[in-house]
Amino acid sequence: MILRKEYWFEAAHFIYNHPGKCRNLHGHSYKLFVSVEGTPDVATGMIIDFDDLSKVVVEKVIGRLDHRFLNDLIPLSTAENIAVWIWEQLKPDLPQLCQVEVFETTDNCVIYRGA
């Protein structure tokens, strides 16, 4: 079974080696989906409590990226590299993590399932 929760953050960045307009400083309203996979616990009936998931995601990711300049943490801050960075922040505390989805715009998304 897969459990998925949605988050948002606002951030600015530029892609220094981009041949077009994305080389300039700009911002996005990012949407993030975090998915964990497992079998629901017999006693609780849950894979993980949504609140427990959010505590990890907010502490490890949202609190560090929201209203920030992404290049300070992820120098080549493409959607692909942001997804990998998010995975690396979450996986140690969420061993059942199976996928992150990073929407840079409403119609541009990267899905990462780990290396």
Foldseek 3Di string as FASTA:
>chain_A
DKDKDKDWAKEWEAQCPDPDDSNDIDIFTKMKMWMFDDQQDPVPRHPDPPVVVVVQCCVQPRVVGHHYYCCVPVVRDDLVSSQVSSCVSRCVVRVRTAWMWMDRYPPDIDIDGDD
